[in-house]
Amino acid sequence: MSVPIFTREIGKDVWVRNSDTSGVPGTWMHVTSDEIKPGSSLDVVENQDTLIDALVTVQREGATGYKGTIDISKSGTASDEMPADLGDMAKAVPFTATGDRSGRLIGTVVDIAAVKPGAGKEIRTFSSIGDPIAINPPPASDVIEMPSDVFEEMNTVPVR
């Protein structure tokens, strides 16, 4: 099952929407960036850097694609339990990445189900690259403060 997670960050305010976590579809959960641990799943900037560091093998696939393996225990996106649950398989999880004609990354798929059937895939897409954007906070009526149990789960730094 795929559960999309949406994030918005404006200044020190961070909003996360994930119906599987909050239990209320359409609800945004708010937290301030001062509370976020570097390297946790809430740390969007750090996770992009650690994802690159976690690559084990990479091969070109076609004109704009790549495939390979990633060590999810180093990726910054896995929970503490996932690498332990996968054991040595966590060190070689298949992934694919797609670029556009200009060579910019537009999507990644980490196929955890390939090493643990039923586990699913982590899918990221990037769009409107280079276009001017205006990020607005979600409507106040759709926002709750992030519950402490959800914050504790999402603000955990994976053991590397």
C-alpha atoms as a PDB file:
ATOM      1  CA  MET A   1       0.000   0.000   0.000  1.00  0.00           C
ATOM      2  CA  SER A   2       1.284   3.430  -0.911  1.00  0.00           C
ATOM      3  CA  VAL A   3       0.655   6.358   1.435  1.00  0.00           C
ATOM      4  CA  PRO A   4       1.723   9.711   0.024  1.00  0.00           C
ATOM      5  CA  ILE A   5       3.359  12.201   2.381  1.00  0.00           C
ATOM      6  CA  PHE A   6       3.232  15.878   1.513  1.00  0.00           C
ATOM      7  CA  THR A   7       5.389  18.518   3.181  1.00  0.00           C
ATOM      8  CA  ARG A   8       5.541  22.284   3.098  1.00  0.00           C
ATOM      9  CA  GLU A   9       8.202  24.377   4.789  1.00  0.00           C
ATOM     10  CA  ILE A  10       8.024  28.153   5.059  1.00  0.00           C
ATOM     11  CA  GLY A  11      10.573  29.769   7.332  1.00  0.00           C
ATOM     12  CA  LYS A  12      10.523  27.808  10.581  1.00  0.00           C
ATOM     13  CA  ASP A  13       7.056  26.337  10.000  1.00  0.00           C
ATOM     14  CA  VAL A  14       6.740  22.783   8.672  1.00  0.00           C
ATOM     15  CA  TRP A  15       3.467  21.114   7.718  1.00  0.00           C
ATOM     16  CA  VAL A  16       3.106  17.404   6.992  1.00  0.00           C
ATOM     17  CA  ARG A  17       0.032  15.721   5.519  1.00  0.00           C
ATOM     18  CA  ASN A  18      -0.248  11.956   5.666  1.00  0.00           C
ATOM     19  CA  SER A  19      -3.712  10.506   6.232  1.00  0.00           C
ATOM     20  CA  ASP A  20      -2.178   7.240   7.454  1.00  0.00           C
ATOM     21  CA  THR A  21      -0.397   9.041  10.313  1.00  0.00           C
ATOM     22  CA  SER A  22      -2.828  11.721  11.411  1.00  0.00           C
ATOM     23  CA  GLY A  23      -5.899   9.537  10.957  1.00  0.00           C
ATOM     24  CA  VAL A  24      -7.805  12.483   9.501  1.00  0.00           C
ATOM     25  CA  PRO A  25      -7.659  12.700   5.684  1.00  0.00           C
ATOM     26  CA  GLY A  26      -6.793  16.192   4.474  1.00  0.00           C
ATOM     27  CA  THR A  27      -5.381  17.303   7.830  1.00  0.00           C
ATOM     28  CA  TRP A  28      -2.001  19.006   7.909  1.00  0.00           C
ATOM     29  CA  MET A  29       0.126  18.555  11.033  1.00  0.00           C
ATOM     30  CA  HIS A  30       2.292  21.498  12.058  1.00  0.00           C
ATOM     31  CA  VAL A  31       5.685  21.554  13.791  1.00  0.00           C
ATOM     32  CA  THR A  32       8.483  24.122  13.869  1.00  0.00           C
ATOM     33  CA  SER A  33      11.833  23.351  12.270  1.00  0.00           C
ATOM     34  CA  ASP A  34      13.619  24.162  15.559  1.00  0.00           C
ATOM     35  CA  GLU A  35      12.140  20.936  16.973  1.00  0.00           C
ATOM     36  CA  ILE A  36      13.271  18.707  14.079  1.00  0.00           C
ATOM     37  CA  LYS A  37      16.354  16.554  14.601  1.00  0.00           C
ATOM     38  CA  PRO A  38      18.869  16.639  11.738  1.00  0.00           C
ATOM     39  CA  GLY A  39      18.633  13.370   9.819  1.00  0.00           C
ATOM     40  CA  SER A  40      15.100  12.492  10.934  1.00  0.00           C
ATOM     41  CA  SER A  41      12.379  11.759   8.393  1.00  0.00           C
ATOM     42  CA  LEU A  42      11.071  15.294   9.007  1.00  0.00           C
ATOM     43  CA  ASP A  43      14.400  16.841   7.936  1.00  0.00           C
ATOM     44  CA  VAL A  44      13.781  17.265   4.207  1.00  0.00           C
ATOM     45  CA  VAL A  45      17.137  18.866   3.316  1.00  0.00           C
ATOM     46  CA  GLU A  46      19.301  16.410   5.260  1.00  0.00           C
ATOM     47  CA  ASN A  47      17.446  13.413   3.819  1.00  0.00           C
ATOM     48  CA  GLN A  48      18.307  14.351   0.240  1.00  0.00           C
ATOM     49  CA  ASP A  49      22.018  14.437   1.088  1.00  0.00           C
ATOM     50  CA  THR A  50      21.977  11.172   3.055  1.00  0.00           C
ATOM     51  CA  LEU A  51      20.092   9.457   0.241  1.00  0.00           C
ATOM     52  CA  ILE A  52      23.012  10.134  -2.106  1.00  0.00           C
ATOM     53  CA  ASP A  53      25.501   8.882   0.487  1.00  0.00           C
ATOM     54  CA  ALA A  54      23.483   5.662   0.856  1.00  0.00           C
ATOM     55  CA  LEU A  55      23.850   4.615  -2.805  1.00  0.00           C
ATOM     56  CA  VAL A  56      25.704   1.294  -3.124  1.00  0.00           C
ATOM     57  CA  THR A  57      25.563   0.622  -6.874  1.00  0.00           C
ATOM     58  CA  VAL A  58      24.369   2.791  -9.754  1.00  0.00           C
ATOM     59  CA  GLN A  59      24.039   1.920 -13.447  1.00  0.00           C
ATOM     60  CA  ARG A  60      22.757   3.982 -16.334  1.00  0.00           C
ATOM     61  CA  GLU A  61      19.457   2.705 -17.738  1.00  0.00           C
ATOM     62  CA  GLY A  62      18.361   4.236 -21.028  1.00  0.00           C
ATOM     63  CA  ALA A  63      18.784   7.892 -21.891  1.00  0.00           C
ATOM     64  CA  THR A  64      17.470   9.389 -18.656  1.00  0.00           C
ATOM     65  CA  GLY A  65      17.322   6.597 -16.081  1.00  0.00           C
ATOM     66  CA  TYR A  66      19.425   4.895 -13.460  1.00  0.00           C
ATOM     67  CA  LYS A  67      19.046   1.728 -11.432  1.00  0.00           C
ATOM     68  CA  GLY A  68      21.008   0.240  -8.602  1.00  0.00           C
ATOM     69  CA  THR A  69      20.938  -0.561  -4.925  1.00  0.00           C
ATOM     70  CA  ILE A  70      20.758   1.585  -1.831  1.00  0.00           C
ATOM     71  CA  ASP A  71      21.631   0.879   1.801  1.00  0.00           C
ATOM     72  CA  ILE A  72      18.435   2.056   3.477  1.00  0.00           C
ATOM     73  CA  SER A  73      20.050   1.859   6.911  1.00  0.00           C
ATOM     74  CA  LYS A  74      22.068   4.926   5.773  1.00  0.00           C
ATOM     75  CA  SER A  75      19.319   6.627   3.769  1.00  0.00           C
ATOM     76  CA  GLY A  76      17.777   8.831   6.442  1.00  0.00           C
ATOM     77  CA  THR A  77      14.292   7.729   5.365  1.00  0.00           C
ATOM     78  CA  ALA A  78      13.979   4.358   7.096  1.00  0.00           C
ATOM     79  CA  SER A  79      12.569   3.898  10.563  1.00  0.00           C
ATOM     80  CA  ASP A  80      14.873   2.423  13.199  1.00  0.00           C
ATOM     81  CA  GLU A  81      12.998  -0.871  12.952  1.00  0.00           C
ATOM     82  CA  MET A  82      13.180  -1.315   9.176  1.00  0.00           C
ATOM     83  CA  PRO A  83      16.935  -1.994   8.800  1.00  0.00           C
ATOM     84  CA  ALA A  84      16.826  -4.367  11.771  1.00  0.00           C
ATOM     85  CA  ASP A  85      13.793  -6.119  10.290  1.00  0.00           C
ATOM     86  CA  LEU A  86      15.500  -6.514   6.906  1.00  0.00           C
ATOM     87  CA  GLY A  87      18.906  -7.515   8.288  1.00  0.00           C
ATOM     88  CA  ASP A  88      21.623  -7.658   5.620  1.00  0.00           C
ATOM     89  CA  MET A  89      18.992  -7.156   2.892  1.00  0.00           C
ATOM     90  CA  ALA A  90      18.749  -3.496   4.031  1.00  0.00           C
ATOM     91  CA  LYS A  91      22.207  -2.910   2.545  1.00  0.00           C
ATOM     92  CA  ALA A  92      21.121  -3.705  -1.044  1.00  0.00           C
ATOM     93  CA  VAL A  93      17.556  -2.540  -1.717  1.00  0.00           C
ATOM     94  CA  PRO A  94      16.844  -1.970  -5.436  1.00  0.00           C
ATOM     95  CA  PHE A  95      16.023   1.527  -6.649  1.00  0.00           C
ATOM     96  CA  THR A  96      15.371   3.316  -9.912  1.00  0.00           C
ATOM     97  CA  ALA A  97      15.772   7.002 -10.671  1.00  0.00           C
ATOM     98  CA  THR A  98      14.461   8.978 -13.605  1.00  0.00           C
ATOM     99  CA  GLY A  99      15.752  12.239 -15.017  1.00  0.00           C
ATOM    100  CA  ASP A 100      14.286  14.658 -17.494  1.00  0.00           C
ATOM    101  CA  ARG A 101      15.901  15.579 -20.839  1.00  0.00           C
ATOM    102  CA  SER A 102      17.981  18.233 -19.080  1.00  0.00           C
ATOM    103  CA  GLY A 103      19.407  15.676 -16.634  1.00  0.00           C
ATOM    104  CA  ARG A 104      17.437  16.849 -13.597  1.00  0.00           C
ATOM    105  CA  LEU A 105      16.128  14.228 -11.177  1.00  0.00           C
ATOM    106  CA  ILE A 106      12.339  13.912 -11.478  1.00  0.00           C
ATOM    107  CA  GLY A 107      11.622  10.665  -9.657  1.00  0.00           C
ATOM    108  CA  THR A 108      12.936   7.822  -7.512  1.00  0.00           C
ATOM    109  CA  VAL A 109      11.492   4.470  -6.496  1.00  0.00           C
ATOM    110  CA  VAL A 110      13.038   2.445  -3.669  1.00  0.00           C
ATOM    111  CA  ASP A 111      11.564  -1.056  -3.986  1.00  0.00           C
ATOM    112  CA  ILE A 112      11.571  -2.415  -0.431  1.00  0.00           C
ATOM    113  CA  ALA A 113       9.076  -5.088  -1.501  1.00  0.00           C
ATOM    114  CA  ALA A 114      11.817  -6.628  -3.671  1.00  0.00           C
ATOM    115  CA  VAL A 115      13.648  -7.730  -0.510  1.00  0.00           C
ATOM    116  CA  LYS A 116      10.626  -8.026   1.800  1.00  0.00           C
ATOM    117  CA  PRO A 117       7.395  -8.970  -0.005  1.00  0.00           C
ATOM    118  CA  GLY A 118       4.459  -6.801   1.021  1.00  0.00           C
ATOM    119  CA  ALA A 119       6.648  -3.980   2.359  1.00  0.00           C
ATOM    120  CA  GLY A 120       5.836  -1.601  -0.503  1.00  0.00           C
ATOM    121  CA  LYS A 121       7.835   1.053  -2.313  1.00  0.00           C
ATOM    122  CA  GLU A 122       9.042   4.519  -1.414  1.00  0.00           C
ATOM    123  CA  ILE A 123       8.156   6.736  -4.378  1.00  0.00           C
ATOM    124  CA  ARG A 124       9.322  10.355  -4.745  1.00  0.00           C
ATOM    125  CA  THR A 125       8.447  12.675  -7.594  1.00  0.00           C
ATOM    126  CA  PHE A 126       9.785  16.141  -8.337  1.00  0.00           C
ATOM    127  CA  SER A 127       8.015  18.523 -10.691  1.00  0.00           C
ATOM    128  CA  SER A 128       7.982  22.100 -11.936  1.00  0.00           C
ATOM    129  CA  ILE A 129      11.768  22.242 -11.624  1.00  0.00           C
ATOM    130  CA  GLY A 130      13.009  25.718 -12.419  1.00  0.00           C
ATOM    131  CA  ASP A 131       9.526  27.227 -12.396  1.00  0.00           C
ATOM    132  CA  PRO A 132       8.834  30.106 -10.015  1.00  0.00           C
ATOM    133  CA  ILE A 133       6.729  28.848  -7.141  1.00  0.00           C
ATOM    134  CA  ALA A 134       4.682  30.326  -4.360  1.00  0.00           C
ATOM    135  CA  ILE A 135       4.350  28.101  -1.320  1.00  0.00           C
ATOM    136  CA  ASN A 136       1.476  29.014   0.920  1.00  0.00           C
ATOM    137  CA  PRO A 137       0.652  27.612   4.322  1.00  0.00           C
ATOM    138  CA  PRO A 138      -2.312  25.230   4.373  1.00  0.00           C
ATOM    139  CA  PRO A 139      -5.632  26.787   5.406  1.00  0.00           C
ATOM    140  CA  ALA A 140      -5.737  27.163   9.198  1.00  0.00           C
ATOM    141  CA  SER A 141      -8.958  25.120   9.308  1.00  0.00           C
ATOM    142  CA  ASP A 142      -7.013  22.122   7.910  1.00  0.00           C
ATOM    143  CA  VAL A 143      -4.123  22.311  10.414  1.00  0.00           C
ATOM    144  CA  ILE A 144      -3.543  20.652  13.784  1.00  0.00           C
ATOM    145  CA  GLU A 145      -0.398  20.685  15.882  1.00  0.00           C
ATOM    146  CA  MET A 146       1.476  17.453  15.253  1.00  0.00           C
ATOM    147  CA  PRO A 147       0.479  14.972  17.978  1.00  0.00           C
ATOM    148  CA  SER A 148       3.412  14.106  20.251  1.00  0.00           C
ATOM    149  CA  ASP A 149       3.336  10.377  19.419  1.00  0.00           C
ATOM    150  CA  VAL A 150       3.458  11.107  15.672  1.00  0.00           C
ATOM    151  CA  PHE A 151       6.222  13.676  16.205  1.00  0.00           C
ATOM    152  CA  GLU A 152       8.308  11.211  18.224  1.00  0.00           C
ATOM    153  CA  GLU A 153       7.945   8.544  15.512  1.00  0.00           C
ATOM    154  CA  MET A 154       8.765  10.866  12.602  1.00  0.00           C
ATOM    155  CA  ASN A 155      11.524  12.774  14.433  1.00  0.00           C
ATOM    156  CA  THR A 156      13.655   9.682  15.070  1.00  0.00           C
ATOM    157  CA  VAL A 157      17.129   9.657  13.545  1.00  0.00           C
ATOM    158  CA  PRO A 158      17.915   6.261  11.955  1.00  0.00           C
ATOM    159  CA  VAL A 159      20.950   4.460  13.333  1.00  0.00           C
ATOM    160  CA  ARG A 160      23.697   4.524  10.717  1.00  0.00           C
END
